[in-house]
Amino acid sequence: MFICYLLNMPKMETLVTDINDFSFFKKPKDFVKINKRIEWLVAIYNFCIYGVITLYSILSYTEKSECLEENEKFEKDKICGLLANTWMAIDLTRSPINEIFICLQTYSGWVFMVGGINMFSFVFACIENLILRLNVIKAIMQEMFESDSESEKRRLLNYCIRYHVNVIEFIHRLNAAFRSVTFASISLFSLLMALAAYQFINVPSVKALLHFQGFFLTWFIICFMGQRIITQSLEFNAFLYNTPWYTQSVSIQKDFLMVLRRSQFPLEIWAGPFATMSFPTFQLVMRNTYTFVTVLSMALE
């Protein structure tokens, strides 16, 4: 994730510049308000993720004494008190070496999650801004139908066509930047959630539950973002269809039908060439997770 984040940073910078550029198109009415709300939601999500990593580290450290007793009882050599198993030429269970290493591992966990958190947060912000733009187009369309001037109707319709094309081009660029990341997510999340669920079923613990909840929450948010843009774009199409476009002049009708035709295809966030991020995809991944857990249970009995 972190490598993908670094590779996509130039594309992200360009998209950020374009999403905040209103030199050619009207700025949405609630642009500042919605973006502040997005910042709060992203901050809460960041707090949850970093908090889970920190809590996981604390739990690993508090279980150090039990782990050492288990090593002595069953003659094991498991490294105790760390976030992840580490083997080095020194005794990592001694203080303060153990405390130093668990702090380093916690920090490494934060750094590792920065890429994924920032990318998913960026996609979420872009989707919300695209929905704002669709609402602007709807408002201008409504203004067009209320106008009595043919020239004014033509001007507003041409403006809406360009604005809609800009939204479609932006979602294509967003997909080009993050399609590989979402494809990697859909490929790995079923297995990762299955392993976490299997661990919790066989050895119930707070750490195993944190594992599963972290993957589950992240995957749900990704699919929710994709489903939201699909739903809003389909509602935009329904709005256009229900307008009195058929009462306009022939030239207006012809151009309007082009917009109506284009809006029949929902805006989507793609996961590679095979799937879109949506609730059906979320359901598919959860069904695959259940299948993996069942196979693991049968194979390891």
Protein backbone atom coordinates (compact mmCIF):
# COMPACT_ATOMS: atom_id res chain seq x y z
CA MET A 1 0.00 0.00 0.00
CA PHE A 2 2.75 2.43 0.93
CA ILE A 3 4.60 1.77 -2.34
CA CYS A 4 1.38 2.29 -4.33
CA TYR A 5 0.87 5.54 -2.43
CA LEU A 6 4.32 6.81 -3.38
CA LEU A 7 3.85 5.79 -7.03
CA ASN A 8 0.46 7.52 -7.24
CA MET A 9 1.45 10.75 -5.50
CA PRO A 10 2.03 12.71 -8.78
CA LYS A 11 -1.43 11.66 -10.06
CA MET A 12 -2.99 12.54 -6.71
CA GLU A 13 -1.42 16.01 -6.77
CA THR A 14 -2.85 16.65 -10.24
CA LEU A 15 -6.28 15.44 -9.18
CA VAL A 16 -6.23 17.61 -6.05
CA THR A 17 -5.40 20.66 -8.19
CA ASP A 18 -8.21 19.90 -10.63
CA ILE A 19 -10.84 19.10 -7.99
CA ASN A 20 -10.27 22.54 -6.45
CA ASP A 21 -10.14 24.41 -9.77
CA PHE A 22 -13.34 26.40 -10.40
CA SER A 23 -11.99 28.77 -13.04
CA PHE A 24 -14.23 27.22 -15.72
CA PHE A 25 -17.08 25.69 -13.72
CA LYS A 26 -19.32 26.91 -10.92
CA LYS A 27 -18.21 26.20 -7.38
CA PRO A 28 -20.72 24.00 -5.50
CA LYS A 29 -22.77 25.86 -2.91
CA ASP A 30 -21.76 23.63 0.04
CA PHE A 31 -18.20 22.99 -1.12
CA VAL A 32 -16.46 24.34 2.01
CA LYS A 33 -19.03 22.82 4.38
CA ILE A 34 -18.84 19.36 2.81
CA ASN A 35 -15.04 19.39 2.74
CA LYS A 36 -14.89 20.29 6.42
CA ARG A 37 -17.21 17.39 7.13
CA ILE A 38 -14.96 15.12 5.05
CA GLU A 39 -11.93 16.28 7.03
CA TRP A 40 -13.69 15.35 10.29
CA LEU A 41 -14.66 11.91 9.00
CA VAL A 42 -11.13 11.27 7.74
CA ALA A 43 -9.71 12.39 11.10
CA ILE A 44 -12.03 9.96 12.93
CA TYR A 45 -11.03 7.13 10.58
CA ASN A 46 -7.33 7.92 11.09
CA PHE A 47 -7.81 7.98 14.86
CA CYS A 48 -9.51 4.56 14.75
CA ILE A 49 -6.80 2.95 12.62
CA TYR A 50 -3.86 4.39 14.56
CA GLY A 51 -5.66 3.66 17.82
CA VAL A 52 -6.17 0.02 16.85
CA ILE A 53 -2.47 -0.37 16.01
CA THR A 54 -1.49 1.22 19.34
CA LEU A 55 -3.97 -0.91 21.29
CA TYR A 56 -2.70 -4.04 19.53
CA SER A 57 0.86 -3.15 20.58
CA ILE A 58 -0.20 -2.56 24.20
CA LEU A 59 -2.04 -5.89 24.31
CA SER A 60 1.02 -7.67 22.88
CA TYR A 61 3.20 -6.14 25.58
CA THR A 62 0.80 -6.96 28.42
CA GLU A 63 0.72 -10.61 27.28
CA LYS A 64 4.50 -10.86 27.58
CA SER A 65 4.54 -12.64 30.94
CA GLU A 66 1.99 -15.26 29.83
CA CYS A 67 3.98 -15.85 26.65
CA LEU A 68 7.22 -16.35 28.60
CA GLU A 69 5.51 -18.85 30.92
CA GLU A 70 4.18 -20.75 27.91
CA ASN A 71 7.67 -20.84 26.37
CA GLU A 72 9.13 -22.26 29.58
CA LYS A 73 6.32 -24.78 30.05
CA PHE A 74 6.26 -26.15 26.49
CA GLU A 75 9.92 -25.42 25.62
CA LYS A 76 9.08 -22.96 22.87
CA ASP A 77 11.23 -20.12 21.55
CA LYS A 78 8.46 -17.66 20.62
CA ILE A 79 9.44 -13.99 20.78
CA CYS A 80 7.22 -12.37 23.41
CA GLY A 81 6.00 -8.83 23.98
CA LEU A 82 6.28 -7.62 20.38
CA LEU A 83 3.72 -6.50 17.80
CA ALA A 84 5.05 -9.06 15.28
CA ASN A 85 7.42 -11.99 15.57
CA THR A 86 11.04 -10.91 15.13
CA TRP A 87 14.21 -13.00 15.30
CA MET A 88 17.57 -11.31 15.90
CA ALA A 89 20.94 -12.17 17.41
CA ILE A 90 20.03 -10.44 20.68
CA ASP A 91 17.49 -11.33 23.37
CA LEU A 92 14.44 -9.25 22.47
CA THR A 93 12.58 -10.16 25.65
CA ARG A 94 14.95 -8.19 27.88
CA SER A 95 14.19 -4.64 29.03
CA PRO A 96 14.62 -2.02 27.66
CA ILE A 97 15.32 -3.78 24.33
CA ASN A 98 11.79 -5.21 24.27
CA GLU A 99 10.18 -1.81 24.89
CA ILE A 100 12.35 -0.12 22.24
CA PHE A 101 11.48 -2.73 19.61
CA ILE A 102 7.74 -2.64 20.29
CA CYS A 103 7.78 1.16 19.96
CA LEU A 104 9.64 0.84 16.65
CA GLN A 105 7.16 -1.77 15.43
CA THR A 106 4.21 0.42 16.42
CA TYR A 107 5.71 3.37 14.56
CA SER A 108 6.38 1.13 11.55
CA GLY A 109 2.74 0.05 11.63
CA TRP A 110 1.65 3.69 11.55
CA VAL A 111 3.96 4.46 8.61
CA PHE A 112 2.80 1.35 6.75
CA MET A 113 -0.85 2.40 7.10
CA VAL A 114 -0.25 6.00 5.98
CA GLY A 115 -0.35 5.07 2.29
CA GLY A 116 -3.60 3.12 2.44
CA ILE A 117 -5.35 5.62 4.73
CA ASN A 118 -4.40 8.62 2.58
CA MET A 119 -5.38 6.93 -0.68
CA PHE A 120 -8.78 5.76 0.54
CA SER A 121 -9.42 9.11 2.22
CA PHE A 122 -8.51 10.90 -1.01
CA VAL A 123 -10.89 8.73 -3.06
CA PHE A 124 -13.65 9.39 -0.52
CA ALA A 125 -13.10 13.16 -0.77
CA CYS A 126 -13.08 13.02 -4.58
CA ILE A 127 -16.35 11.06 -4.69
CA GLU A 128 -18.11 13.52 -2.38
CA ASN A 129 -16.90 16.42 -4.51
CA LEU A 130 -18.10 14.74 -7.70
CA ILE A 131 -21.53 14.28 -6.11
CA LEU A 132 -21.56 18.00 -5.30
CA ARG A 133 -20.84 18.73 -8.96
CA LEU A 134 -23.70 16.52 -10.10
CA ASN A 135 -25.99 18.50 -7.78
CA VAL A 136 -24.74 21.74 -9.33
CA ILE A 137 -25.56 20.43 -12.81
CA LYS A 138 -29.04 19.45 -11.63
CA ALA A 139 -29.63 22.96 -10.27
CA ILE A 140 -28.47 24.58 -13.52
CA MET A 141 -30.63 22.19 -15.55
CA GLN A 142 -33.63 23.20 -13.46
CA GLU A 143 -32.79 26.85 -14.07
CA MET A 144 -32.59 26.15 -17.80
CA PHE A 145 -36.09 24.71 -17.97
CA GLU A 146 -37.48 27.66 -16.03
CA SER A 147 -35.95 30.18 -18.44
CA ASP A 148 -38.08 31.72 -21.22
CA SER A 149 -35.14 32.71 -23.40
CA GLU A 150 -34.03 30.24 -26.06
CA SER A 151 -30.53 31.69 -26.14
CA GLU A 152 -30.25 31.44 -22.35
CA LYS A 153 -31.42 27.83 -22.46
CA ARG A 154 -28.79 27.06 -25.08
CA ARG A 155 -26.07 28.72 -23.00
CA LEU A 156 -27.02 26.86 -19.82
CA LEU A 157 -27.35 23.52 -21.61
CA ASN A 158 -23.92 23.87 -23.22
CA TYR A 159 -22.49 24.73 -19.82
CA CYS A 160 -24.09 21.62 -18.25
CA ILE A 161 -22.77 19.41 -21.05
CA ARG A 162 -19.21 20.62 -20.51
CA TYR A 163 -19.58 20.28 -16.72
CA HIS A 164 -20.91 16.72 -17.04
CA VAL A 165 -18.11 15.72 -19.40
CA ASN A 166 -15.61 17.13 -16.89
CA VAL A 167 -17.11 14.95 -14.12
CA ILE A 168 -16.93 11.83 -16.32
CA GLU A 169 -13.32 12.54 -17.31
CA PHE A 170 -12.37 13.05 -13.66
CA ILE A 171 -13.82 9.67 -12.59
CA HIS A 172 -11.87 8.02 -15.43
CA ARG A 173 -8.64 9.64 -14.22
CA LEU A 174 -9.44 8.60 -10.64
CA ASN A 175 -9.86 5.00 -11.81
CA ALA A 176 -6.61 5.13 -13.77
CA ALA A 177 -4.77 6.22 -10.62
CA PHE A 178 -6.29 3.76 -8.13
CA ARG A 179 -7.55 0.79 -10.13
CA SER A 180 -4.48 -1.30 -9.24
CA VAL A 181 -4.85 -0.48 -5.53
CA THR A 182 -8.52 -1.43 -5.39
CA PHE A 183 -7.76 -4.61 -7.35
CA ALA A 184 -5.11 -5.55 -4.78
CA SER A 185 -7.62 -4.87 -2.01
CA ILE A 186 -10.33 -7.08 -3.47
CA SER A 187 -7.73 -9.82 -4.04
CA LEU A 188 -6.37 -9.82 -0.48
CA PHE A 189 -9.19 -8.79 1.84
CA SER A 190 -11.10 -12.08 1.60
CA LEU A 191 -8.04 -14.05 2.69
CA LEU A 192 -6.97 -11.57 5.37
CA MET A 193 -10.45 -11.43 6.94
CA ALA A 194 -10.71 -15.24 6.75
CA LEU A 195 -7.41 -15.68 8.61
CA ALA A 196 -8.44 -13.14 11.25
CA ALA A 197 -11.87 -14.77 11.68
CA TYR A 198 -10.35 -18.27 11.89
CA GLN A 199 -7.89 -17.06 14.52
CA PHE A 200 -10.70 -15.53 16.58
CA ILE A 201 -12.88 -18.65 16.31
CA ASN A 202 -10.12 -20.99 17.46
CA VAL A 203 -8.29 -18.74 19.92
CA PRO A 204 -10.71 -15.95 20.96
CA SER A 205 -8.81 -12.80 21.80
CA VAL A 206 -9.14 -9.05 21.53
CA LYS A 207 -6.20 -8.90 19.11
CA ALA A 208 -7.86 -11.33 16.69
CA LEU A 209 -11.09 -9.34 16.91
CA LEU A 210 -9.20 -6.11 16.18
CA HIS A 211 -7.64 -7.80 13.16
CA PHE A 212 -11.01 -8.76 11.71
CA GLN A 213 -12.77 -5.49 12.55
CA GLY A 214 -9.99 -3.43 10.96
CA PHE A 215 -10.19 -5.31 7.67
CA PHE A 216 -14.00 -5.41 7.75
CA LEU A 217 -14.39 -1.68 8.44
CA THR A 218 -11.89 -0.66 5.77
CA TRP A 219 -13.47 -2.90 3.16
CA PHE A 220 -16.98 -1.67 3.99
CA ILE A 221 -15.89 1.97 3.66
CA ILE A 222 -14.29 1.29 0.26
CA CYS A 223 -17.43 -0.42 -1.07
CA PHE A 224 -19.68 2.23 0.49
CA MET A 225 -17.79 4.95 -1.39
CA GLY A 226 -18.17 3.09 -4.68
CA GLN A 227 -21.87 2.39 -4.11
CA ARG A 228 -22.52 6.02 -3.19
CA ILE A 229 -21.22 7.40 -6.49
CA ILE A 230 -23.16 4.72 -8.41
CA THR A 231 -26.40 5.59 -6.60
CA GLN A 232 -25.97 9.35 -7.00
CA SER A 233 -25.15 9.09 -10.71
CA LEU A 234 -28.25 6.93 -11.30
CA GLU A 235 -30.35 9.46 -9.38
CA PHE A 236 -28.89 12.14 -11.65
CA ASN A 237 -30.07 10.14 -14.67
CA ALA A 238 -33.54 9.79 -13.15
CA PHE A 239 -33.65 13.54 -12.55
CA LEU A 240 -32.81 14.25 -16.18
CA TYR A 241 -35.39 11.76 -17.42
CA ASN A 242 -38.16 13.34 -15.33
CA THR A 243 -37.51 16.88 -16.56
CA PRO A 244 -39.82 18.37 -19.24
CA TRP A 245 -37.12 18.10 -21.91
CA TYR A 246 -39.69 16.97 -24.47
CA THR A 247 -41.35 20.40 -24.38
CA GLN A 248 -38.20 22.19 -25.55
CA SER A 249 -37.13 23.08 -29.07
CA VAL A 250 -35.80 20.34 -31.34
CA SER A 251 -32.18 21.51 -31.11
CA ILE A 252 -32.36 21.59 -27.29
CA GLN A 253 -33.94 18.13 -27.25
CA LYS A 254 -31.19 16.64 -29.41
CA ASP A 255 -28.37 17.92 -27.21
CA PHE A 256 -30.24 17.09 -24.02
CA LEU A 257 -30.73 13.50 -25.17
CA MET A 258 -26.95 13.19 -25.52
CA VAL A 259 -26.56 14.09 -21.84
CA LEU A 260 -29.40 11.76 -20.90
CA ARG A 261 -27.85 8.92 -22.89
CA ARG A 262 -24.43 9.42 -21.31
CA SER A 263 -25.88 9.56 -17.79
CA GLN A 264 -27.46 6.11 -18.22
CA PHE A 265 -24.02 4.63 -17.52
CA PRO A 266 -23.33 5.02 -13.77
CA LEU A 267 -20.08 6.49 -12.50
CA GLU A 268 -18.08 3.67 -10.94
CA ILE A 269 -14.87 3.02 -9.02
CA TRP A 270 -13.23 0.02 -10.66
CA ALA A 271 -11.23 -2.75 -8.97
CA GLY A 272 -9.06 -3.86 -11.85
CA PRO A 273 -10.89 -5.01 -15.00
CA PHE A 274 -13.22 -7.40 -13.20
CA ALA A 275 -15.36 -5.64 -10.60
CA THR A 276 -16.61 -2.32 -9.29
CA MET A 277 -16.53 -1.15 -5.70
CA SER A 278 -20.14 -1.58 -4.57
CA PHE A 279 -22.33 -3.43 -2.10
CA PRO A 280 -22.58 -6.52 -4.37
CA THR A 281 -18.78 -6.66 -4.39
CA PHE A 282 -18.76 -6.29 -0.60
CA GLN A 283 -21.20 -9.19 -0.38
CA LEU A 284 -19.02 -11.27 -2.72
CA VAL A 285 -15.90 -10.70 -0.62
CA MET A 286 -17.73 -11.56 2.61
CA ARG A 287 -19.08 -14.75 1.03
CA ASN A 288 -15.54 -15.67 -0.07
CA THR A 289 -14.33 -14.96 3.47
CA TYR A 290 -16.88 -17.41 4.87
CA THR A 291 -15.78 -20.00 2.29
CA PHE A 292 -12.11 -19.60 3.24
CA VAL A 293 -12.92 -19.92 6.95
CA THR A 294 -14.87 -23.12 6.27
CA VAL A 295 -12.05 -24.60 4.17
CA LEU A 296 -9.46 -23.72 6.84
CA SER A 297 -11.59 -25.30 9.56
CA MET A 298 -12.05 -28.52 7.60
CA ALA A 299 -8.40 -28.72 6.51
CA LEU A 300 -6.91 -28.12 9.97
CA GLU A 301 -9.26 -30.30 12.02
